[in-house]
Amino acid sequence: MVDSRYYSPQTAAEVLGCDDEQVLAWIHAGELVAVNVAKSLQGKRPRWRIAEADLARFLMARRHPASLQQAVAKPRRQPQPKQYV
C-alpha cells in the first residue's frame, strides 16, 4: 500500500515541533517507522522517509492517557466578599 504523502526527518520534525535529530533518534530506536530510499544501501548515507500513516500511528502510540479522557469542567469558586475590620 502506498501512502499519499511521505515526510523527510526534517519535515516530520517541523510538523512535530521538535529537532530533526530527535526524529532520527526515534527512527534508530525503532519507535518511528521509516523507509530508506537511498539508491545504494552499501556505505551510503540513509535517506529516510516517513509515511503519513506511520507518523500518525507514532503520535497515537505516544498519547498521554489523560488526553483520552473527556474533560470534566470543575466548579468555579465563588469569590468571597471582603470583610473590613
Protein backbone atom coordinates (compact mmCIF):
# COMPACT_ATOMS: atom_id res chain seq x y z
CA MET A 1 0.00 0.00 0.00
CA VAL A 2 1.41 3.37 -0.97
CA ASP A 3 0.63 6.37 1.20
CA SER A 4 -0.17 9.66 -0.41
CA ARG A 5 2.46 11.64 1.50
CA TYR A 6 5.94 10.96 2.83
CA TYR A 7 7.97 13.19 5.14
CA SER A 8 11.72 13.61 5.45
CA PRO A 9 13.00 13.64 9.04
CA GLN A 10 13.41 17.41 8.77
CA THR A 11 9.82 17.90 7.60
CA ALA A 12 8.49 15.50 10.23
CA ALA A 13 10.41 17.48 12.86
CA GLU A 14 8.73 20.69 11.69
CA VAL A 15 5.31 19.01 11.87
CA LEU A 16 6.03 17.67 15.36
CA GLY A 17 7.71 20.85 16.58
CA CYS A 18 10.95 19.15 17.58
CA ASP A 19 14.54 18.81 16.38
CA ASP A 20 15.30 16.59 13.37
CA GLU A 21 17.94 14.78 15.47
CA GLN A 22 15.12 13.66 17.78
CA VAL A 23 13.20 12.25 14.80
CA LEU A 24 16.33 10.34 13.69
CA ALA A 25 16.75 9.01 17.24
CA TRP A 26 13.16 7.70 17.19
CA ILE A 27 13.86 6.03 13.82
CA HIS A 28 17.07 4.40 15.07
CA ALA A 29 15.35 3.26 18.27
CA GLY A 30 12.58 1.62 16.23
CA GLU A 31 9.85 3.82 17.70
CA LEU A 32 9.11 5.58 14.41
CA VAL A 33 8.82 3.52 11.22
CA ALA A 34 10.78 4.94 8.27
CA VAL A 35 11.96 3.70 4.87
CA ASN A 36 15.47 4.22 3.50
CA VAL A 37 15.08 5.41 -0.11
CA ALA A 38 18.82 5.81 -0.84
CA LYS A 39 19.93 4.37 -4.20
CA SER A 40 22.50 2.12 -2.60
CA LEU A 41 22.32 0.71 0.89
CA GLN A 42 26.03 -0.14 0.92
CA GLY A 43 28.06 2.56 2.69
CA LYS A 44 25.82 5.44 1.62
CA ARG A 45 24.10 7.84 3.91
CA PRO A 46 20.48 6.80 4.52
CA ARG A 47 17.68 8.94 3.11
CA TRP A 48 14.78 8.30 5.45
CA ARG A 49 11.15 8.87 4.50
CA ILE A 50 8.26 8.56 6.93
CA ALA A 51 4.79 7.68 5.69
CA GLU A 52 1.97 9.91 6.88
CA ALA A 53 0.15 6.89 8.32
CA ASP A 54 3.26 5.80 10.25
CA LEU A 55 3.67 9.29 11.68
CA ALA A 56 0.02 9.23 12.78
CA ARG A 57 0.50 5.78 14.38
CA PHE A 58 3.59 7.07 16.20
CA LEU A 59 1.64 10.01 17.61
CA MET A 60 -1.29 7.82 18.67
CA ALA A 61 1.06 5.44 20.48
CA ARG A 62 2.65 8.33 22.42
CA ARG A 63 -0.60 9.95 23.57
CA HIS A 64 -0.92 10.58 27.26
CA PRO A 65 -3.80 8.69 28.93
CA ALA A 66 -5.25 11.97 30.17
CA SER A 67 -5.82 13.07 26.58
CA LEU A 68 -8.09 10.06 26.07
CA GLN A 69 -10.46 11.04 28.88
CA GLN A 70 -13.21 13.55 28.35
CA ALA A 71 -12.52 16.79 30.17
CA VAL A 72 -14.79 17.45 33.13
CA ALA A 73 -15.48 21.06 33.97
CA LYS A 74 -14.51 21.87 37.53
CA PRO A 75 -16.90 24.06 39.51
CA ARG A 76 -15.62 27.60 39.90
CA ARG A 77 -15.02 29.02 43.33
CA GLN A 78 -17.25 31.90 44.24
CA PRO A 79 -15.35 35.00 45.26
CA GLN A 80 -15.67 35.71 48.98
CA PRO A 81 -16.84 39.20 49.95
CA LYS A 82 -14.12 41.28 51.53
CA GLN A 83 -14.60 41.95 55.19
CA TYR A 84 -13.22 45.14 56.65
CA VAL A 85 -12.45 45.27 60.34
